[in-house]
Protein backbone atom coordinates (compact mmCIF):
# COMPACT_ATOMS: atom_id res chain seq x y z
CA MET A 1 -70.45 65.09 -104.96
CA THR A 2 -68.62 66.32 -107.98
CA GLY A 3 -69.42 65.35 -111.52
CA SER A 4 -66.63 62.76 -111.50
CA GLY A 5 -68.22 60.94 -108.58
CA GLU A 6 -65.51 62.01 -106.15
CA MET A 7 -66.47 63.62 -102.88
CA GLU A 8 -65.22 67.16 -102.28
CA ILE A 9 -63.23 67.96 -99.15
CA GLU A 10 -64.34 70.90 -97.06
CA LYS A 11 -62.12 71.21 -94.03
CA THR A 12 -63.89 71.32 -90.70
CA ASN A 13 -62.33 71.39 -87.28
CA TRP A 14 -64.08 68.74 -85.22
CA ASN A 15 -61.15 66.38 -84.91
CA LEU A 16 -59.85 65.35 -81.53
CA ARG A 17 -56.24 66.44 -82.01
CA SER A 18 -54.41 68.25 -79.24
CA VAL A 19 -56.50 66.57 -76.60
CA ILE A 20 -53.87 67.31 -73.99
CA PRO A 21 -52.72 70.94 -74.17
CA HIS A 22 -49.01 71.77 -74.41
CA PHE A 23 -47.27 72.54 -71.14
CA ARG A 24 -44.40 74.90 -70.40
CA PRO A 25 -40.96 73.29 -70.29
CA SER A 26 -40.50 74.68 -66.77
CA ILE A 27 -42.99 72.19 -65.39
CA ALA A 28 -41.39 69.04 -66.73
CA ALA A 29 -42.52 67.16 -63.64
CA SER A 30 -46.08 67.48 -64.93
CA PHE A 31 -45.11 65.45 -68.00
CA LEU A 32 -43.96 62.60 -65.80
CA PHE A 33 -47.14 62.74 -63.75
CA LEU A 34 -49.39 62.90 -66.79
CA GLY A 35 -47.43 60.11 -68.45
CA LEU A 36 -48.04 57.87 -65.48
CA MET A 37 -51.72 58.79 -65.38
CA MET A 38 -52.16 58.30 -69.13
CA SER A 39 -50.74 54.79 -68.87
CA VAL A 40 -53.87 53.90 -66.94
CA TRP A 41 -55.96 55.11 -69.88
CA THR A 42 -55.43 52.02 -71.98
CA SER A 43 -58.04 49.50 -70.88
CA ARG A 44 -60.44 48.35 -73.57
CA THR A 45 -63.24 45.85 -73.39
CA VAL A 46 -64.61 43.93 -76.36
CA ALA A 47 -68.36 44.39 -76.76
CA ALA A 48 -70.94 42.47 -78.70
CA GLN A 49 -72.36 44.40 -81.65
CA SER A 50 -75.52 46.23 -80.66
CA THR A 51 -78.15 46.75 -83.33
CA HIS A 52 -79.53 50.01 -81.95
CA ILE A 53 -78.17 53.37 -80.91
CA PRO A 54 -77.31 53.24 -77.21
CA ASP A 55 -79.21 55.27 -74.66
CA PHE A 56 -76.96 58.16 -73.76
CA GLU A 57 -76.79 61.64 -72.37
CA MET A 58 -73.43 63.27 -72.95
CA ALA A 59 -72.03 66.77 -72.80
CA ASP A 60 -69.80 68.15 -75.50
CA GLN A 61 -66.65 70.16 -74.83
CA PHE A 62 -68.79 73.31 -74.41
CA GLY A 63 -71.03 71.72 -71.77
CA GLU A 64 -74.04 71.30 -74.08
CA GLU A 65 -75.97 68.11 -73.35
CA VAL A 66 -77.04 65.77 -76.16
CA SER A 67 -79.28 62.74 -75.73
CA HIS A 68 -80.14 59.81 -77.98
CA THR A 69 -83.71 61.14 -77.98
CA ASP A 70 -82.49 64.27 -79.81
CA LEU A 71 -81.75 62.01 -82.77
CA ASP A 72 -85.20 60.44 -83.01
CA GLY A 73 -86.53 60.60 -86.56
CA LYS A 74 -83.16 61.53 -88.11
CA TRP A 75 -80.56 59.68 -90.11
CA THR A 76 -77.41 60.01 -88.05
CA VAL A 77 -73.74 59.43 -88.80
CA MET A 78 -71.73 59.03 -85.61
CA MET A 79 -67.95 58.93 -85.74
CA VAL A 80 -66.27 57.56 -82.63
CA ALA A 81 -62.53 58.12 -82.33
CA ASP A 82 -59.96 57.19 -79.73
CA ARG A 83 -56.78 59.21 -79.12
CA GLN A 84 -54.88 57.67 -82.03
CA GLY A 85 -57.86 57.81 -84.38
CA SER A 86 -58.16 61.53 -83.69
CA THR A 87 -55.11 62.19 -85.87
CA PHE A 88 -57.10 61.61 -89.07
CA SER A 89 -60.70 61.94 -87.92
CA SER A 90 -60.94 65.52 -89.19
CA GLU A 91 -60.17 64.56 -92.78
CA LEU A 92 -62.46 61.53 -92.70
CA GLY A 93 -65.35 63.45 -91.17
CA ALA A 94 -64.99 66.47 -93.44
CA TYR A 95 -64.85 64.25 -96.52
CA LEU A 96 -67.98 62.36 -95.58
CA GLU A 97 -69.97 65.37 -94.47
CA SER A 98 -69.12 67.51 -97.49
CA GLY A 99 -70.16 64.70 -99.83
CA LEU A 100 -73.37 63.64 -98.09
CA SER A 101 -74.79 66.86 -96.62
CA PRO A 102 -75.75 68.43 -99.98
CA LEU A 103 -77.66 65.25 -100.90
CA TYR A 104 -79.19 64.67 -97.46
CA PRO A 105 -79.45 68.06 -95.72
CA ASP A 106 -81.40 66.65 -92.76
CA MET A 107 -78.71 64.12 -91.90
CA VAL A 108 -77.00 64.63 -88.54
CA PHE A 109 -73.23 64.23 -88.21
CA MET A 110 -71.83 63.77 -84.71
CA ALA A 111 -68.31 63.27 -83.41
CA VAL A 112 -67.73 61.27 -80.24
CA ALA A 113 -64.47 61.11 -78.29
CA ASN A 114 -64.01 57.70 -76.72
CA LEU A 115 -62.50 58.79 -73.39
CA GLU A 116 -63.25 55.83 -71.16
CA GLY A 117 -60.47 55.32 -68.66
CA ALA A 118 -59.24 58.92 -68.78
CA PRO A 119 -58.22 59.72 -65.17
CA ARG A 120 -60.54 62.15 -63.43
CA LEU A 121 -57.55 64.29 -62.43
CA ILE A 122 -56.89 65.30 -66.04
CA ARG A 123 -60.41 65.38 -67.46
CA SER A 124 -60.68 69.14 -67.18
CA LEU A 125 -57.41 69.46 -69.14
CA ILE A 126 -58.73 67.11 -71.82
CA ARG A 127 -61.99 69.06 -72.06
CA LYS A 128 -60.15 72.39 -72.33
CA GLY A 129 -57.83 70.99 -74.98
CA ILE A 130 -60.74 69.74 -77.09
CA ARG A 131 -62.59 73.04 -76.61
CA ARG A 132 -59.53 75.03 -77.67
CA SER A 133 -58.86 72.99 -80.82
CA ASN A 134 -62.42 72.13 -81.93
CA LYS A 135 -65.15 74.66 -82.66
CA THR A 136 -67.59 71.95 -83.76
CA PRO A 137 -69.16 69.96 -80.89
CA VAL A 138 -67.50 66.70 -79.87
CA LEU A 139 -69.41 64.49 -77.44
CA LEU A 140 -67.21 63.39 -74.54
CA ASP A 141 -67.83 59.71 -73.80
CA TRP A 142 -66.16 59.42 -70.37
CA ARG A 143 -68.13 56.28 -69.43
CA GLY A 144 -67.39 54.32 -72.60
CA ILE A 145 -71.04 53.98 -73.61
CA PHE A 146 -70.20 53.36 -77.26
CA GLN A 147 -67.34 51.06 -76.41
CA ALA A 148 -69.73 48.97 -74.29
CA SER A 149 -72.22 48.76 -77.18
CA TYR A 150 -69.95 48.12 -80.16
CA PRO A 151 -66.61 46.38 -80.80
CA LEU A 152 -64.48 49.49 -81.31
CA SER A 153 -60.98 49.04 -82.65
CA GLU A 154 -57.90 50.75 -81.29
CA GLN A 155 -56.14 53.54 -83.17
CA SER A 156 -59.20 54.02 -85.34
CA VAL A 157 -62.34 55.91 -86.20
CA ASP A 158 -65.54 53.85 -86.13
CA VAL A 159 -68.30 55.16 -88.40
CA PHE A 160 -71.92 54.30 -87.56
CA LEU A 161 -75.08 55.03 -89.55
CA PHE A 162 -78.36 54.94 -87.64
CA ASN A 163 -81.75 55.17 -89.33
CA PRO A 164 -84.57 57.42 -88.04
CA SER A 165 -85.74 54.61 -85.75
CA GLY A 166 -82.30 54.38 -84.18
CA ASN A 167 -81.42 51.06 -85.80
CA LEU A 168 -77.82 50.49 -86.86
CA THR A 169 -77.60 50.14 -90.65
CA HIS A 170 -73.83 50.45 -91.13
CA HIS A 171 -70.66 50.16 -89.05
CA SER A 172 -67.14 50.34 -90.43
CA THR A 173 -63.73 50.86 -88.87
CA HIS A 174 -61.04 53.07 -90.38
CA HIS A 175 -57.39 53.04 -89.35
CA SER A 176 -56.30 55.87 -91.61
CA PHE A 177 -57.72 58.41 -94.01
CA ASP A 178 -57.89 57.22 -97.60
CA SER A 179 -59.97 59.22 -100.07
CA SER A 180 -60.77 56.21 -102.24
CA ALA A 181 -61.98 54.13 -99.27
CA THR A 182 -63.94 57.12 -97.96
CA ASP A 183 -65.55 57.57 -101.37
CA GLN A 184 -66.68 53.95 -101.20
CA LEU A 185 -68.04 54.53 -97.70
CA GLY A 186 -69.93 57.61 -98.87
CA HIS A 187 -71.44 55.71 -101.79
CA ARG A 188 -72.43 52.85 -99.50
CA ILE A 189 -74.16 55.20 -97.05
CA SER A 190 -75.87 56.98 -99.94
CA GLY A 191 -77.04 53.61 -101.28
CA ILE A 192 -78.50 52.66 -97.91
CA LEU A 193 -80.43 55.92 -97.76
CA SER A 194 -81.62 55.62 -101.36
CA ASN A 195 -82.88 52.08 -100.79
CA SER A 196 -84.77 53.16 -97.69
CA GLN A 197 -86.89 55.71 -99.53
């Protein structure tokens, strides 16, 4: 945090942009095929709000496995983005992390790509696209574990704060990046942590 109370931005590259890599114009038929397949990737179920971090084991775009048990005993911010939310998730995540990490160095920040419904035929392309454009790990939620546990909104980034016992202490949905709103979110998370000590 700066002296004025504003959070500093430090750009990181964990956003989910460029999920599908660009294709050569000479294979225009692939666009049609992918367009048809992507139309299937639109189903969304409405879940009841869970009060605890879901049990999960997921690989990131580099093949590294992460489990909910790896987060035991740690304050964790998880940011879950769908395809549309990925367009501003980088700014939102960088803003939060740069403001909170200096104050709470043991806090874990994790990005999750909500990929439920992505056709199996193009999953390897999605993984490669995320790996090419993101050097920071992004968990790939192919089974919709978070969507089944929380009422995620479309075209958004959902921000979750879990305490060291895995209990949900904050959930907010963001449909765009706004520095003022993100400042308020950072202050709210900081207040939750301060009150827990």
